[in-house]
C-alpha atoms as a PDB file:
ATOM      1  CA  MET A   1       0.000   0.000   0.000  1.00  0.00           C
ATOM      2  CA  ASN A   2       1.482   3.329  -1.020  1.00  0.00           C
ATOM      3  CA  LYS A   3       1.502   6.499   1.088  1.00  0.00           C
ATOM      4  CA  LYS A   4      -1.519   8.082  -0.592  1.00  0.00           C
ATOM      5  CA  GLN A   5      -3.627   4.936  -0.130  1.00  0.00           C
ATOM      6  CA  LYS A   6      -2.685   4.792   3.558  1.00  0.00           C
ATOM      7  CA  GLU A   7      -3.663   8.445   4.049  1.00  0.00           C
ATOM      8  CA  TYR A   8      -6.923   7.789   2.235  1.00  0.00           C
ATOM      9  CA  ASN A   9      -7.653   4.802   4.487  1.00  0.00           C
ATOM     10  CA  ASP A  10      -6.838   6.849   7.595  1.00  0.00           C
ATOM     11  CA  LEU A  11      -9.074   9.773   6.585  1.00  0.00           C
ATOM     12  CA  ILE A  12     -11.946   8.191   4.665  1.00  0.00           C
ATOM     13  CA  LYS A  13     -12.467   4.695   6.085  1.00  0.00           C
ATOM     14  CA  PRO A  14     -13.638   5.920   9.525  1.00  0.00           C
ATOM     15  CA  ILE A  15     -16.366   8.099   7.971  1.00  0.00           C
ATOM     16  CA  GLU A  16     -17.067   6.082   4.843  1.00  0.00           C
ATOM     17  CA  ASN A  17     -20.470   4.819   6.031  1.00  0.00           C
ATOM     18  CA  ASP A  18     -21.553   8.345   7.004  1.00  0.00           C
ATOM     19  CA  ILE A  19     -20.595   9.604   3.559  1.00  0.00           C
ATOM     20  CA  ILE A  20     -22.426   6.789   1.759  1.00  0.00           C
ATOM     21  CA  ASN A  21     -25.536   7.258   3.905  1.00  0.00           C
ATOM     22  CA  SER A  22     -25.494  11.017   3.294  1.00  0.00           C
ATOM     23  CA  PHE A  23     -25.429  10.548  -0.460  1.00  0.00           C
ATOM     24  CA  GLY A  24     -28.176   7.951  -0.209  1.00  0.00           C
ATOM     25  CA  ARG A  25     -30.414  10.264   1.795  1.00  0.00           C
ATOM     26  CA  LEU A  26     -29.737  13.353  -0.288  1.00  0.00           C
ATOM     27  CA  LEU A  27     -30.153  11.713  -3.677  1.00  0.00           C
ATOM     28  CA  SER A  28     -32.688   8.934  -2.922  1.00  0.00           C
ATOM     29  CA  ASP A  29     -31.805   6.957  -6.051  1.00  0.00           C
ATOM     30  CA  PRO A  30     -28.971   4.472  -5.288  1.00  0.00           C
ATOM     31  CA  CYS A  31     -27.507   4.813  -8.804  1.00  0.00           C
ATOM     32  CA  ASP A  32     -27.370   8.600  -8.489  1.00  0.00           C
ATOM     33  CA  ALA A  33     -25.845   8.288  -5.023  1.00  0.00           C
ATOM     34  CA  ASP A  34     -23.139   5.970  -6.385  1.00  0.00           C
ATOM     35  CA  ASP A  35     -22.338   8.363  -9.229  1.00  0.00           C
ATOM     36  CA  ALA A  36     -22.136  11.398  -6.955  1.00  0.00           C
ATOM     37  CA  LEU A  37     -20.085   9.444  -4.410  1.00  0.00           C
ATOM     38  CA  GLN A  38     -17.652   8.458  -7.134  1.00  0.00           C
ATOM     39  CA  ASN A  39     -17.265  12.121  -8.153  1.00  0.00           C
ATOM     40  CA  ALA A  40     -16.656  13.109  -4.539  1.00  0.00           C
ATOM     41  CA  LEU A  41     -14.089  10.368  -3.994  1.00  0.00           C
ATOM     42  CA  ILE A  42     -12.196  11.471  -7.103  1.00  0.00           C
ATOM     43  CA  LYS A  43     -12.098  15.049  -5.816  1.00  0.00           C
ATOM     44  CA  ILE A  44     -11.017  13.865  -2.370  1.00  0.00           C
ATOM     45  CA  TRP A  45      -8.293  11.648  -3.873  1.00  0.00           C
ATOM     46  CA  ASN A  46      -6.978  14.523  -6.001  1.00  0.00           C
ATOM     47  CA  LYS A  47      -6.946  16.931  -3.042  1.00  0.00           C
ATOM     48  CA  LEU A  48      -5.706  14.458  -0.445  1.00  0.00           C
ATOM     49  CA  ASP A  49      -2.537  16.444   0.293  1.00  0.00           C
ATOM     50  CA  LYS A  50      -4.535  19.615   1.019  1.00  0.00           C
ATOM     51  CA  ILE A  51      -7.135  17.709   3.033  1.00  0.00           C
ATOM     52  CA  LYS A  52      -4.620  16.116   5.393  1.00  0.00           C
ATOM     53  CA  LYS A  53      -3.144  19.579   6.134  1.00  0.00           C
ATOM     54  CA  HIS A  54      -6.554  21.039   6.926  1.00  0.00           C
ATOM     55  CA  PRO A  55      -7.232  21.671  10.655  1.00  0.00           C
ATOM     56  CA  ASN A  56     -10.411  19.576  10.455  1.00  0.00           C
ATOM     57  CA  PRO A  57     -10.097  17.072   7.597  1.00  0.00           C
ATOM     58  CA  LYS A  58     -13.370  15.292   8.395  1.00  0.00           C
ATOM     59  CA  ALA A  59     -15.339  18.520   8.071  1.00  0.00           C
ATOM     60  CA  LEU A  60     -13.592  19.366   4.811  1.00  0.00           C
ATOM     61  CA  ILE A  61     -14.371  15.912   3.428  1.00  0.00           C
ATOM     62  CA  LEU A  62     -18.026  16.298   4.411  1.00  0.00           C
ATOM     63  CA  ARG A  63     -18.092  19.729   2.757  1.00  0.00           C
ATOM     64  CA  ILE A  64     -16.617  18.300  -0.465  1.00  0.00           C
ATOM     65  CA  CYS A  65     -19.217  15.511  -0.411  1.00  0.00           C
ATOM     66  CA  LEU A  66     -22.059  17.938   0.228  1.00  0.00           C
ATOM     67  CA  ASN A  67     -20.923  20.146  -2.657  1.00  0.00           C
ATOM     68  CA  CYS A  68     -20.639  17.128  -4.970  1.00  0.00           C
ATOM     69  CA  ALA A  69     -24.175  16.055  -4.044  1.00  0.00           C
ATOM     70  CA  TYR A  70     -25.506  19.553  -4.758  1.00  0.00           C
ATOM     71  CA  ASP A  71     -23.616  19.647  -8.060  1.00  0.00           C
ATOM     72  CA  PHE A  72     -25.080  16.290  -9.008  1.00  0.00           C
ATOM     73  CA  ILE A  73     -28.620  17.435  -8.165  1.00  0.00           C
ATOM     74  CA  ARG A  74     -28.146  20.634 -10.194  1.00  0.00           C
ATOM     75  CA  ASN A  75     -26.755  18.763 -13.176  1.00  0.00           C
ATOM     76  CA  LYS A  76     -29.478  16.136 -13.009  1.00  0.00           C
ATOM     77  CA  ARG A  77     -32.189  18.805 -13.062  1.00  0.00           C
ATOM     78  CA  ILE A  78     -30.656  20.243 -16.205  1.00  0.00           C
ATOM     79  CA  ARG A  79     -30.416  16.793 -17.844  1.00  0.00           C
ATOM     80  CA  VAL A  80     -33.999  15.905 -16.909  1.00  0.00           C
ATOM     81  CA  LYS A  81     -35.312  19.161 -18.351  1.00  0.00           C
ATOM     82  CA  ARG A  82     -33.512  18.472 -21.605  1.00  0.00           C
ATOM     83  CA  ILE A  83     -34.642  14.844 -21.824  1.00  0.00           C
ATOM     84  CA  ASP A  84     -38.286  15.173 -20.912  1.00  0.00           C
ATOM     85  CA  LYS A  85     -39.959  18.511 -20.446  1.00  0.00           C
ATOM     86  CA  THR A  86     -43.466  17.083 -20.371  1.00  0.00           C
ATOM     87  CA  LYS A  87     -43.466  14.307 -17.759  1.00  0.00           C
ATOM     88  CA  PRO A  88     -42.131  14.841 -14.216  1.00  0.00           C
ATOM     89  CA  MET A  89     -39.978  12.062 -12.791  1.00  0.00           C
ATOM     90  CA  ASP A  90     -42.293  11.425  -9.835  1.00  0.00           C
ATOM     91  CA  SER A  91     -45.452  11.231 -11.954  1.00  0.00           C
ATOM     92  CA  TYR A  92     -45.984   7.512 -11.409  1.00  0.00           C
ATOM     93  CA  PRO A  93     -48.471   7.153  -8.553  1.00  0.00           C
ATOM     94  CA  ASP A  94     -48.043   4.730  -5.681  1.00  0.00           C
ATOM     95  CA  LYS A  95     -50.613   1.944  -6.167  1.00  0.00           C
ATOM     96  CA  SER A  96     -51.751   2.252  -2.541  1.00  0.00           C
ATOM     97  CA  GLN A  97     -52.751   5.909  -3.111  1.00  0.00           C
ATOM     98  CA  SER A  98     -55.631   7.276  -5.080  1.00  0.00           C
ATOM     99  CA  ILE A  99     -54.740   9.680  -7.873  1.00  0.00           C
ATOM    100  CA  ASP A 100     -56.060  12.585  -5.792  1.00  0.00           C
ATOM    101  CA  GLU A 101     -53.924  11.576  -2.803  1.00  0.00           C
ATOM    102  CA  HIS A 102     -50.878  11.200  -5.043  1.00  0.00           C
ATOM    103  CA  LEU A 103     -51.398  14.644  -6.588  1.00  0.00           C
ATOM    104  CA  GLU A 104     -51.955  16.250  -3.185  1.00  0.00           C
ATOM    105  CA  ALA A 105     -48.840  14.609  -1.735  1.00  0.00           C
ATOM    106  CA  ARG A 106     -46.781  15.650  -4.768  1.00  0.00           C
ATOM    107  CA  THR A 107     -48.058  19.215  -4.528  1.00  0.00           C
ATOM    108  CA  PHE A 108     -47.340  19.275  -0.789  1.00  0.00           C
ATOM    109  CA  LYS A 109     -43.797  18.011  -1.362  1.00  0.00           C
ATOM    110  CA  LYS A 110     -43.178  20.577  -4.111  1.00  0.00           C
ATOM    111  CA  GLU A 111     -44.443  23.382  -1.866  1.00  0.00           C
ATOM    112  CA  ILE A 112     -42.129  22.320   0.955  1.00  0.00           C
ATOM    113  CA  LEU A 113     -39.122  22.056  -1.351  1.00  0.00           C
ATOM    114  CA  PHE A 114     -39.966  25.411  -2.911  1.00  0.00           C
ATOM    115  CA  GLU A 115     -40.168  27.080   0.503  1.00  0.00           C
ATOM    116  CA  ILE A 116     -36.886  25.443   1.576  1.00  0.00           C
ATOM    117  CA  SER A 117     -35.251  26.784  -1.582  1.00  0.00           C
ATOM    118  CA  LYS A 118     -36.276  30.328  -0.559  1.00  0.00           C
ATOM    119  CA  LEU A 119     -34.376  30.101   2.741  1.00  0.00           C
ATOM    120  CA  SER A 120     -30.890  31.523   3.104  1.00  0.00           C
ATOM    121  CA  ILE A 121     -28.154  29.133   1.997  1.00  0.00           C
ATOM    122  CA  ASN A 122     -27.090  28.489   5.612  1.00  0.00           C
ATOM    123  CA  GLN A 123     -30.618  27.787   6.812  1.00  0.00           C
ATOM    124  CA  ARG A 124     -31.278  25.538   3.811  1.00  0.00           C
ATOM    125  CA  GLU A 125     -28.077  23.540   4.311  1.00  0.00           C
ATOM    126  CA  VAL A 126     -28.680  23.111   8.049  1.00  0.00           C
ATOM    127  CA  ILE A 127     -32.275  21.967   7.508  1.00  0.00           C
ATOM    128  CA  LEU A 128     -31.262  19.477   4.817  1.00  0.00           C
ATOM    129  CA  LEU A 129     -28.283  18.148   6.778  1.00  0.00           C
ATOM    130  CA  ARG A 130     -30.319  17.840   9.965  1.00  0.00           C
ATOM    131  CA  PHE A 131     -33.568  16.390   8.620  1.00  0.00           C
ATOM    132  CA  VAL A 132     -32.497  14.640   5.428  1.00  0.00           C
ATOM    133  CA  ASN A 133     -29.057  13.404   6.506  1.00  0.00           C
ATOM    134  CA  ASP A 134     -29.875  13.150  10.211  1.00  0.00           C
ATOM    135  CA  LEU A 135     -26.508  14.665  11.177  1.00  0.00           C
ATOM    136  CA  THR A 136     -25.752  15.971  14.645  1.00  0.00           C
ATOM    137  CA  PHE A 137     -25.370  19.697  15.274  1.00  0.00           C
ATOM    138  CA  GLU A 138     -21.675  19.159  15.907  1.00  0.00           C
ATOM    139  CA  LEU A 139     -21.109  17.457  12.524  1.00  0.00           C
ATOM    140  CA  ILE A 140     -23.172  20.069  10.710  1.00  0.00           C
ATOM    141  CA  GLY A 141     -21.080  22.797  12.333  1.00  0.00           C
ATOM    142  CA  GLN A 142     -17.889  21.081  11.243  1.00  0.00           C
ATOM    143  CA  ALA A 143     -19.165  20.618   7.691  1.00  0.00           C
ATOM    144  CA  LEU A 144     -20.280  24.238   7.399  1.00  0.00           C
ATOM    145  CA  GLY A 145     -17.343  25.686   9.313  1.00  0.00           C
ATOM    146  CA  CYS A 146     -19.367  27.329  12.069  1.00  0.00           C
ATOM    147  CA  LYS A 147     -20.113  26.839  15.750  1.00  0.00           C
ATOM    148  CA  GLU A 148     -22.788  24.465  17.010  1.00  0.00           C
ATOM    149  CA  VAL A 149     -24.790  27.357  18.466  1.00  0.00           C
ATOM    150  CA  THR A 150     -24.800  29.015  15.022  1.00  0.00           C
ATOM    151  CA  VAL A 151     -26.109  25.799  13.482  1.00  0.00           C
ATOM    152  CA  ARG A 152     -28.918  25.686  16.043  1.00  0.00           C
ATOM    153  CA  LYS A 153     -29.795  29.322  15.323  1.00  0.00           C
ATOM    154  CA  HIS A 154     -29.899  28.715  11.548  1.00  0.00           C
ATOM    155  CA  LEU A 155     -32.158  25.713  12.176  1.00  0.00           C
ATOM    156  CA  GLN A 156     -34.455  27.692  14.473  1.00  0.00           C
ATOM    157  CA  ARG A 157     -34.777  30.593  12.044  1.00  0.00           C
ATOM    158  CA  GLY A 158     -35.279  28.290   9.067  1.00  0.00           C
ATOM    159  CA  ARG A 159     -37.980  26.319  10.860  1.00  0.00           C
ATOM    160  CA  GLU A 160     -39.753  29.517  11.891  1.00  0.00           C
ATOM    161  CA  LYS A 161     -39.774  30.775   8.298  1.00  0.00           C
ATOM    162  CA  LEU A 162     -40.968  27.406   6.988  1.00  0.00           C
ATOM    163  CA  LYS A 163     -43.692  27.230   9.623  1.00  0.00           C
ATOM    164  CA  LYS A 164     -44.912  30.693   8.676  1.00  0.00           C
ATOM    165  CA  GLN A 165     -44.812  29.958   4.941  1.00  0.00           C
ATOM    166  CA  LEU A 166     -46.337  26.471   5.140  1.00  0.00           C
ATOM    167  CA  THR A 167     -49.134  27.123   7.645  1.00  0.00           C
ATOM    168  CA  HIS A 168     -51.679  27.356   4.826  1.00  0.00           C
ATOM    169  CA  LEU A 169     -50.675  23.892   3.607  1.00  0.00           C
ATOM    170  CA  LEU A 170     -50.995  22.383   7.050  1.00  0.00           C
ATOM    171  CA  LEU A 171     -54.435  23.923   7.551  1.00  0.00           C
ATOM    172  CA  ASN A 172     -55.637  22.638   4.168  1.00  0.00           C
ATOM    173  CA  SER A 173     -54.233  19.156   4.697  1.00  0.00           C
ATOM    174  CA  LYS A 174     -55.969  18.221   7.966  1.00  0.00           C
ATOM    175  CA  GLY A 175     -56.859  14.567   7.838  1.00  0.00           C
ATOM    176  CA  HIS A 176     -54.408  13.748   5.050  1.00  0.00           C
ATOM    177  CA  ASN A 177     -51.297  11.626   5.465  1.00  0.00           C
ATOM    178  CA  TYR A 178     -48.387  12.832   3.368  1.00  0.00           C
ATOM    179  CA  GLY A 179     -45.942  10.288   4.839  1.00  0.00           C
END
């Protein structure tokens, strides 16, 4: 095993499962997660010398992975728009739902994602890392390069804004399960 492989094993192996799970949660589709993970690992491999000199290599690695996932999502949106402008990817209803329930759930999900996209970048990242990736406040702080208390404040402010913006959806959806 050469020096670079040893450094890679020392830095990546301990957090490898966290990285894989993060990509899986962010991207949902296992094939997309694998592709984005591969891109991130290439970037990490190429920047391994800089990463090992960083004061917090784990946080830097998580940041690189997060950026690669966002890049993949952005690029996929562009590809999907080019391929099929008429049929959304999630247009195939779950057989256990009626068409009305499926459309309501899809609309609800789009509204939530739209409102999340309107948050500040810090609030959006904290909300996604906390609720989608299920990361601790400490890990989120390391990944974003800020203190844990700052992470909590971004989360609080983001949740308050979302609550205010989505109240109309919650009032209209009483009795519906959007699981």
